[in-house]
N, C-alpha and C. Protein backbone atom coordinates (compact mmCIF):
# COMPACT_ATOMS: atom_id res chain seq x y z
N MET A 1 -11.31 -22.83 -11.67
CA MET A 1 -11.49 -21.41 -11.40
C MET A 1 -11.69 -20.64 -12.70
N LYS A 2 -10.92 -20.95 -13.70
CA LYS A 2 -11.03 -20.24 -14.97
C LYS A 2 -12.43 -20.39 -15.55
N ILE A 3 -13.00 -21.58 -15.46
CA ILE A 3 -14.34 -21.82 -15.99
C ILE A 3 -15.36 -20.96 -15.24
N ALA A 4 -15.24 -20.89 -13.93
CA ALA A 4 -16.18 -20.09 -13.14
C ALA A 4 -16.08 -18.62 -13.53
N ILE A 5 -14.89 -18.13 -13.73
CA ILE A 5 -14.72 -16.74 -14.12
C ILE A 5 -15.31 -16.50 -15.49
N GLU A 6 -15.00 -17.38 -16.44
CA GLU A 6 -15.54 -17.21 -17.78
C GLU A 6 -17.05 -17.28 -17.78
N SER A 7 -17.64 -18.19 -16.99
CA SER A 7 -19.09 -18.29 -16.91
C SER A 7 -19.69 -17.01 -16.36
N THR A 8 -19.05 -16.45 -15.36
CA THR A 8 -19.54 -15.22 -14.76
C THR A 8 -19.44 -14.07 -15.76
N ILE A 9 -18.33 -13.99 -16.46
CA ILE A 9 -18.15 -12.93 -17.46
C ILE A 9 -19.19 -13.06 -18.57
N GLN A 10 -19.46 -14.28 -18.99
CA GLN A 10 -20.43 -14.49 -20.05
C GLN A 10 -21.84 -14.05 -19.63
N ALA A 11 -22.11 -14.06 -18.34
CA ALA A 11 -23.42 -13.66 -17.85
C ALA A 11 -23.61 -12.14 -17.89
N LEU A 12 -22.52 -11.40 -18.06
CA LEU A 12 -22.59 -9.95 -18.10
C LEU A 12 -23.11 -9.47 -19.45
N THR A 13 -23.70 -8.31 -19.44
CA THR A 13 -24.10 -7.68 -20.70
C THR A 13 -22.84 -7.19 -21.41
N PRO A 14 -22.90 -6.94 -22.70
CA PRO A 14 -21.72 -6.41 -23.40
C PRO A 14 -21.20 -5.12 -22.77
N GLU A 15 -22.10 -4.27 -22.33
CA GLU A 15 -21.68 -3.02 -21.70
C GLU A 15 -20.96 -3.28 -20.38
N GLU A 16 -21.47 -4.24 -19.59
CA GLU A 16 -20.83 -4.57 -18.32
C GLU A 16 -19.45 -5.19 -18.55
N ARG A 17 -19.33 -6.05 -19.56
CA ARG A 17 -18.03 -6.65 -19.88
C ARG A 17 -17.03 -5.57 -20.28
N THR A 18 -17.47 -4.63 -21.10
CA THR A 18 -16.59 -3.55 -21.52
C THR A 18 -16.12 -2.74 -20.31
N LEU A 19 -17.04 -2.42 -19.44
CA LEU A 19 -16.70 -1.65 -18.24
C LEU A 19 -15.70 -2.41 -17.36
N LEU A 20 -15.90 -3.70 -17.22
CA LEU A 20 -15.02 -4.52 -16.39
C LEU A 20 -13.65 -4.73 -17.02
N LEU A 21 -13.63 -5.09 -18.29
CA LEU A 21 -12.38 -5.52 -18.93
C LEU A 21 -11.56 -4.38 -19.52
N GLU A 22 -12.16 -3.27 -19.78
CA GLU A 22 -11.43 -2.15 -20.35
C GLU A 22 -11.30 -1.00 -19.36
N ARG A 23 -10.95 -1.38 -18.15
CA ARG A 23 -10.79 -0.36 -17.12
C ARG A 23 -9.50 0.40 -17.35
N ARG A 24 -9.65 1.62 -17.68
CA ARG A 24 -8.50 2.50 -17.85
C ARG A 24 -8.74 3.72 -16.96
N PRO A 25 -7.68 4.26 -16.43
CA PRO A 25 -7.87 5.46 -15.61
C PRO A 25 -8.44 6.59 -16.46
N THR A 26 -9.30 7.36 -15.84
CA THR A 26 -9.88 8.48 -16.59
C THR A 26 -8.83 9.54 -16.86
N ASP A 27 -7.81 9.60 -16.05
CA ASP A 27 -6.73 10.56 -16.26
C ASP A 27 -5.40 9.82 -16.27
N ALA A 28 -5.11 9.17 -17.38
CA ALA A 28 -3.90 8.35 -17.49
C ALA A 28 -2.63 9.15 -17.23
N GLU A 29 -2.61 10.40 -17.65
CA GLU A 29 -1.41 11.22 -17.42
C GLU A 29 -1.16 11.45 -15.94
N ALA A 30 -2.22 11.64 -15.17
CA ALA A 30 -2.06 11.82 -13.72
C ALA A 30 -1.53 10.55 -13.08
N VAL A 31 -2.01 9.40 -13.56
CA VAL A 31 -1.52 8.12 -13.04
C VAL A 31 -0.04 7.96 -13.37
N LYS A 32 0.34 8.24 -14.61
CA LYS A 32 1.75 8.15 -15.00
C LYS A 32 2.62 9.06 -14.15
N LYS A 33 2.13 10.27 -13.91
CA LYS A 33 2.88 11.22 -13.09
C LYS A 33 3.07 10.68 -11.68
N GLY A 34 2.01 10.09 -11.11
CA GLY A 34 2.09 9.51 -9.77
C GLY A 34 3.07 8.35 -9.71
N VAL A 35 3.05 7.49 -10.72
CA VAL A 35 3.97 6.35 -10.76
C VAL A 35 5.40 6.84 -10.89
N ARG A 36 5.63 7.84 -11.74
CA ARG A 36 6.99 8.39 -11.88
C ARG A 36 7.50 8.93 -10.54
N LYS A 37 6.61 9.57 -9.80
CA LYS A 37 6.98 10.11 -8.48
C LYS A 37 7.38 8.98 -7.53
N LEU A 38 6.58 7.91 -7.50
CA LEU A 38 6.91 6.78 -6.63
C LEU A 38 8.24 6.14 -7.03
N LEU A 39 8.46 5.96 -8.32
CA LEU A 39 9.72 5.38 -8.77
C LEU A 39 10.91 6.26 -8.42
N ALA A 40 10.73 7.56 -8.55
CA ALA A 40 11.81 8.49 -8.19
C ALA A 40 12.13 8.39 -6.70
N GLU A 41 11.09 8.25 -5.87
CA GLU A 41 11.31 8.10 -4.43
C GLU A 41 12.09 6.83 -4.13
N VAL A 42 11.75 5.74 -4.80
CA VAL A 42 12.46 4.48 -4.58
C VAL A 42 13.90 4.60 -5.06
N ARG A 43 14.12 5.23 -6.19
CA ARG A 43 15.50 5.41 -6.68
C ARG A 43 16.32 6.26 -5.70
N GLN A 44 15.69 7.26 -5.13
CA GLN A 44 16.41 8.15 -4.22
C GLN A 44 16.60 7.54 -2.84
N ASP A 45 15.52 6.96 -2.28
CA ASP A 45 15.56 6.52 -0.88
C ASP A 45 15.63 5.00 -0.70
N GLY A 46 15.56 4.25 -1.80
CA GLY A 46 15.72 2.80 -1.73
C GLY A 46 14.73 2.10 -0.82
N ASP A 47 15.28 1.21 0.00
CA ASP A 47 14.44 0.38 0.88
C ASP A 47 13.56 1.21 1.80
N GLU A 48 14.07 2.34 2.28
CA GLU A 48 13.27 3.18 3.18
C GLU A 48 12.01 3.68 2.47
N ALA A 49 12.12 4.00 1.20
CA ALA A 49 10.94 4.41 0.44
C ALA A 49 9.93 3.27 0.35
N LEU A 50 10.42 2.05 0.13
CA LEU A 50 9.52 0.90 0.06
C LEU A 50 8.81 0.67 1.40
N ARG A 51 9.55 0.82 2.49
CA ARG A 51 8.93 0.67 3.81
C ARG A 51 7.89 1.77 4.05
N ARG A 52 8.23 2.98 3.67
CA ARG A 52 7.31 4.10 3.81
C ARG A 52 6.03 3.86 3.01
N MET A 53 6.18 3.37 1.79
CA MET A 53 5.02 3.10 0.94
C MET A 53 4.17 1.96 1.50
N ALA A 54 4.82 0.96 2.09
CA ALA A 54 4.07 -0.13 2.73
C ALA A 54 3.22 0.41 3.87
N ARG A 55 3.79 1.34 4.65
CA ARG A 55 3.02 1.97 5.73
C ARG A 55 1.86 2.78 5.17
N GLU A 56 2.16 3.58 4.15
CA GLU A 56 1.16 4.49 3.58
C GLU A 56 0.04 3.75 2.84
N PHE A 57 0.41 2.83 1.96
CA PHE A 57 -0.59 2.19 1.10
C PHE A 57 -1.22 0.94 1.71
N ASP A 58 -0.42 0.18 2.49
CA ASP A 58 -0.90 -1.09 3.01
C ASP A 58 -1.15 -1.08 4.51
N GLY A 59 -0.69 -0.02 5.18
CA GLY A 59 -0.89 0.08 6.62
C GLY A 59 -0.10 -0.96 7.41
N VAL A 60 1.08 -1.34 6.89
CA VAL A 60 1.90 -2.34 7.58
C VAL A 60 3.32 -1.83 7.79
N GLU A 61 3.94 -2.33 8.84
CA GLU A 61 5.35 -2.08 9.10
C GLU A 61 6.11 -3.34 8.69
N LEU A 62 7.00 -3.22 7.73
CA LEU A 62 7.74 -4.38 7.27
C LEU A 62 9.01 -4.58 8.08
N ASP A 63 9.23 -5.82 8.52
CA ASP A 63 10.48 -6.16 9.20
C ASP A 63 11.58 -6.38 8.18
N ALA A 64 11.19 -6.93 7.03
CA ALA A 64 12.15 -7.23 5.97
C ALA A 64 11.45 -7.04 4.63
N LEU A 65 12.24 -6.76 3.62
CA LEU A 65 11.69 -6.61 2.28
C LEU A 65 11.79 -7.91 1.48
N GLU A 66 12.61 -8.81 1.92
CA GLU A 66 12.80 -10.07 1.21
C GLU A 66 12.13 -11.20 1.97
N ILE A 67 11.47 -12.07 1.23
CA ILE A 67 10.85 -13.24 1.84
C ILE A 67 11.95 -14.28 2.08
N PRO A 68 12.02 -14.83 3.29
CA PRO A 68 13.07 -15.82 3.58
C PRO A 68 12.99 -17.02 2.63
N ARG A 69 14.15 -17.54 2.26
CA ARG A 69 14.24 -18.65 1.30
C ARG A 69 13.41 -19.85 1.75
N GLU A 70 13.36 -20.13 3.03
CA GLU A 70 12.59 -21.27 3.52
C GLU A 70 11.11 -21.11 3.18
N ARG A 71 10.59 -19.91 3.28
CA ARG A 71 9.19 -19.67 2.91
C ARG A 71 8.99 -19.85 1.41
N TRP A 72 9.99 -19.48 0.61
CA TRP A 72 9.92 -19.72 -0.84
C TRP A 72 9.75 -21.21 -1.11
N HIS A 73 10.62 -22.00 -0.44
CA HIS A 73 10.61 -23.44 -0.66
C HIS A 73 9.28 -24.05 -0.21
N GLN A 74 8.75 -23.59 0.92
CA GLN A 74 7.46 -24.09 1.40
C GLN A 74 6.35 -23.76 0.40
N ALA A 75 6.35 -22.54 -0.10
CA ALA A 75 5.32 -22.13 -1.06
C ALA A 75 5.45 -22.93 -2.36
N ALA A 76 6.67 -23.13 -2.82
CA ALA A 76 6.88 -23.89 -4.06
C ALA A 76 6.44 -25.34 -3.89
N ALA A 77 6.71 -25.91 -2.73
CA ALA A 77 6.32 -27.30 -2.47
C ALA A 77 4.81 -27.45 -2.43
N ALA A 78 4.10 -26.40 -2.05
CA ALA A 78 2.64 -26.46 -1.94
C ALA A 78 1.94 -26.25 -3.28
N LEU A 79 2.68 -25.82 -4.29
CA LEU A 79 2.08 -25.57 -5.60
C LEU A 79 1.70 -26.86 -6.31
N ASP A 80 0.66 -26.76 -7.11
CA ASP A 80 0.31 -27.84 -8.02
C ASP A 80 1.51 -28.04 -8.95
N PRO A 81 1.93 -29.28 -9.20
CA PRO A 81 3.11 -29.52 -10.05
C PRO A 81 3.04 -28.83 -11.42
N ALA A 82 1.87 -28.79 -12.03
CA ALA A 82 1.75 -28.16 -13.33
C ALA A 82 2.00 -26.66 -13.24
N VAL A 83 1.53 -26.04 -12.18
CA VAL A 83 1.77 -24.60 -11.98
C VAL A 83 3.25 -24.36 -11.74
N ARG A 84 3.85 -25.19 -10.88
CA ARG A 84 5.26 -25.03 -10.60
C ARG A 84 6.10 -25.18 -11.87
N ASN A 85 5.80 -26.18 -12.67
CA ASN A 85 6.55 -26.37 -13.92
C ASN A 85 6.39 -25.17 -14.84
N ALA A 86 5.21 -24.61 -14.89
CA ALA A 86 4.98 -23.43 -15.73
C ALA A 86 5.80 -22.24 -15.25
N LEU A 87 5.94 -22.11 -13.95
CA LEU A 87 6.70 -20.98 -13.38
C LEU A 87 8.21 -21.17 -13.55
N GLU A 88 8.64 -22.41 -13.51
CA GLU A 88 10.08 -22.68 -13.64
C GLU A 88 10.48 -22.57 -15.08
C-alpha cells in the first residue's frame, strides 16, 4: 500500500503535492475555537456529549462508548504479526 501511495504522489505536480500535503485550515483560529468548544462540552457533559457528537457528526446512535474486549481480541488476532508487534 505504501508503494502505491508514494507512486501516486510522485505522479502529482509539485503544486498538487503541496496542496495535498500541506492542507491547513484557512482560518486556524476558528478551528481552534471550535475544538475548544467541543472539548469544553465533553468536560462538562462527559459521555452524553460524546453521544450527542456521534449523532451530530456521524449520524449514529451509540449503544456504548467502549468497544467490548472480545472485539479487541478478534481485531488483534486478525492483524499482521508485524503490525501487532509494532503496536504492542
